[in-house]
Amino acid sequence: MQVQCITRMKKETRQRRILSLIRAKPIGTQEELRSFLERAGLPATQSSVSRDLEELGVVKHHGHYTVPRANGAAARGLLSLNMAGESLIVARTEPGLASAVAVNIDGAAIEEIVGTLAGEDTIFIAVNDRKAQRAAIKKVWELFG
């Protein structure tokens, strides 16, 4: 239990640093990003960096990594998307907007998404597998970006 907690803390710290680096300077490759992380005292493998980028919804635009425009998404209710296991995405929304956000997601007919289940401020988005999960996260961010 304690090892999982420490691992999660390292991952969260690394992901926060990744977002900070991407916002601060143009980064074009995972190796370049990995190198910046290492210099910051957060060594990571290329595969960890790759997973982090996908979980964060980071996309490449004009040859450089960029963070999805959270302001546009937040203005429409979507606050975050997080992987949960291999076939679930948990979306957080502004209070009371989960149903409206889920309707928008369903209306987009994203082929990787099997279905959604909305509560007050949380949406469970079901997908078939890890590959579909990654693709769906990118497409949902694009929808709300």
Protein backbone atom coordinates (compact mmCIF):
# COMPACT_ATOMS: atom_id res chain seq x y z
CA MET A 1 0.00 0.00 0.00
CA GLN A 2 2.75 2.45 0.95
CA VAL A 3 4.72 1.66 -2.24
CA GLN A 4 1.65 2.44 -4.38
CA CYS A 5 1.22 5.76 -2.59
CA ILE A 6 4.86 6.73 -3.15
CA THR A 7 4.68 5.65 -6.79
CA ARG A 8 1.51 7.69 -7.31
CA MET A 9 3.14 10.74 -5.70
CA LYS A 10 6.16 10.44 -8.01
CA LYS A 11 3.89 10.09 -11.02
CA GLU A 12 1.80 13.12 -10.03
CA THR A 13 4.93 15.18 -9.41
CA ARG A 14 6.39 14.10 -12.76
CA GLN A 15 3.14 14.89 -14.58
CA ARG A 16 2.91 18.34 -12.98
CA ARG A 17 6.49 19.01 -14.10
CA ILE A 18 5.72 17.77 -17.62
CA LEU A 19 2.83 20.22 -17.89
CA SER A 20 4.99 23.02 -16.53
CA LEU A 21 7.81 22.27 -18.98
CA ILE A 22 5.49 22.05 -21.97
CA ARG A 23 3.88 25.37 -21.08
CA ALA A 24 7.27 27.02 -20.56
CA LYS A 25 9.16 26.02 -23.70
CA PRO A 26 8.73 24.29 -27.04
CA ILE A 27 9.51 20.59 -26.65
CA GLY A 28 9.44 18.44 -29.75
CA THR A 29 10.39 14.93 -28.62
CA GLN A 30 9.83 12.58 -25.73
CA GLU A 31 13.59 12.23 -25.35
CA GLU A 32 13.95 15.99 -25.00
CA LEU A 33 11.21 16.00 -22.37
CA ARG A 34 12.78 13.03 -20.58
CA SER A 35 16.10 14.90 -20.50
CA PHE A 36 14.48 18.00 -18.96
CA LEU A 37 12.81 15.81 -16.33
CA GLU A 38 16.10 14.15 -15.48
CA ARG A 39 17.80 17.54 -15.05
CA ALA A 40 14.95 18.50 -12.72
CA GLY A 41 15.65 15.45 -10.56
CA LEU A 42 12.75 13.41 -11.90
CA PRO A 43 14.30 10.60 -13.93
CA ALA A 44 11.83 8.74 -16.13
CA THR A 45 11.90 6.18 -18.88
CA GLN A 46 10.67 7.00 -22.36
CA SER A 47 7.73 4.64 -21.85
CA SER A 48 6.73 6.46 -18.63
CA VAL A 49 6.92 9.81 -20.42
CA SER A 50 4.82 8.41 -23.25
CA ARG A 51 2.15 7.15 -20.84
CA ASP A 52 2.18 10.46 -18.96
CA LEU A 53 1.66 12.44 -22.16
CA GLU A 54 -1.28 10.26 -23.11
CA GLU A 55 -2.85 10.41 -19.65
CA LEU A 56 -2.49 14.18 -19.61
CA GLY A 57 -4.05 14.48 -23.05
CA VAL A 58 -0.97 16.27 -24.38
CA VAL A 59 -0.91 16.52 -28.17
CA LYS A 60 1.65 17.58 -30.75
CA HIS A 61 0.88 20.77 -32.62
CA HIS A 62 3.24 22.14 -35.27
CA GLY A 63 5.99 19.78 -34.11
CA HIS A 64 5.81 20.64 -30.41
CA TYR A 65 3.89 19.23 -27.48
CA THR A 66 1.02 21.33 -26.26
CA VAL A 67 -1.43 21.11 -23.40
CA PRO A 68 -5.10 21.05 -24.35
CA ARG A 69 -6.75 24.39 -23.79
CA ALA A 70 -8.30 23.83 -20.39
CA ASN A 71 -9.94 27.25 -20.42
CA GLY A 72 -12.15 26.32 -23.35
CA ALA A 73 -12.98 22.97 -21.80
CA ALA A 74 -13.62 24.46 -18.37
CA ALA A 75 -15.90 27.07 -19.90
CA ARG A 76 -17.98 24.19 -21.23
CA GLY A 77 -17.88 22.27 -17.94
CA LEU A 78 -15.09 19.72 -18.43
CA LEU A 79 -12.28 19.98 -15.88
CA SER A 80 -10.23 16.80 -16.22
CA LEU A 81 -9.95 13.37 -17.82
CA ASN A 82 -8.14 10.54 -16.06
CA MET A 83 -7.48 6.94 -16.99
CA ALA A 84 -8.90 4.37 -14.58
CA GLY A 85 -7.81 0.84 -15.37
CA GLU A 86 -7.70 -0.15 -19.02
CA SER A 87 -11.25 0.49 -20.14
CA LEU A 88 -12.53 3.43 -18.13
CA ILE A 89 -12.01 7.18 -18.24
CA VAL A 90 -13.15 9.33 -15.33
CA ALA A 91 -14.14 12.85 -16.33
CA ARG A 92 -14.58 15.59 -13.74
CA THR A 93 -16.86 18.51 -14.46
CA GLU A 94 -18.12 21.64 -12.80
CA PRO A 95 -20.82 20.74 -10.25
CA GLY A 96 -24.14 20.02 -11.92
CA LEU A 97 -22.72 19.83 -15.45
CA ALA A 98 -21.83 16.15 -15.77
CA SER A 99 -25.05 15.25 -17.60
CA ALA A 100 -24.66 18.11 -20.08
CA VAL A 101 -21.02 17.23 -20.74
CA ALA A 102 -21.94 13.54 -21.17
CA VAL A 103 -24.65 14.48 -23.68
CA ASN A 104 -22.03 16.42 -25.68
CA ILE A 105 -19.65 13.46 -25.56
CA ASP A 106 -22.39 11.03 -26.62
CA GLY A 107 -23.50 13.39 -29.38
CA ALA A 108 -19.98 13.47 -30.83
CA ALA A 109 -20.29 9.73 -31.57
CA ILE A 110 -16.63 9.07 -30.78
CA GLU A 111 -16.18 5.54 -32.07
CA GLU A 112 -13.87 4.45 -29.24
CA ILE A 113 -16.48 5.28 -26.60
CA VAL A 114 -18.88 2.48 -25.69
CA GLY A 115 -20.99 4.60 -23.36
CA THR A 116 -21.10 7.19 -20.59
CA LEU A 117 -22.62 7.34 -17.13
CA ALA A 118 -23.00 10.77 -15.53
CA GLY A 119 -23.49 11.83 -11.95
CA GLU A 120 -23.39 15.33 -10.46
CA ASP A 121 -19.79 16.23 -11.33
CA THR A 122 -18.30 12.96 -12.56
CA ILE A 123 -18.68 10.95 -15.75
CA PHE A 124 -17.55 7.38 -16.30
CA ILE A 125 -16.64 6.89 -19.94
CA ALA A 126 -16.41 3.23 -20.98
CA VAL A 127 -14.09 2.10 -23.77
CA ASN A 128 -12.97 -1.32 -24.98
CA ASP A 129 -9.25 -1.24 -24.23
CA ARG A 130 -6.19 0.89 -23.48
CA LYS A 131 -5.72 1.93 -27.11
CA ALA A 132 -9.32 3.13 -27.33
CA GLN A 133 -8.91 4.85 -23.97
CA ARG A 134 -5.98 6.93 -25.21
CA ALA A 135 -7.72 7.85 -28.46
CA ALA A 136 -10.94 8.76 -26.65
CA ILE A 137 -9.14 11.08 -24.23
CA LYS A 138 -7.56 12.98 -27.11
CA LYS A 139 -10.85 13.23 -28.98
CA VAL A 140 -12.79 14.41 -25.92
CA TRP A 141 -10.19 17.12 -25.25
CA GLU A 142 -10.45 18.16 -28.90
CA LEU A 143 -14.24 18.27 -28.57
CA PHE A 144 -14.04 20.57 -25.55
CA GLY A 145 -10.85 22.44 -26.50
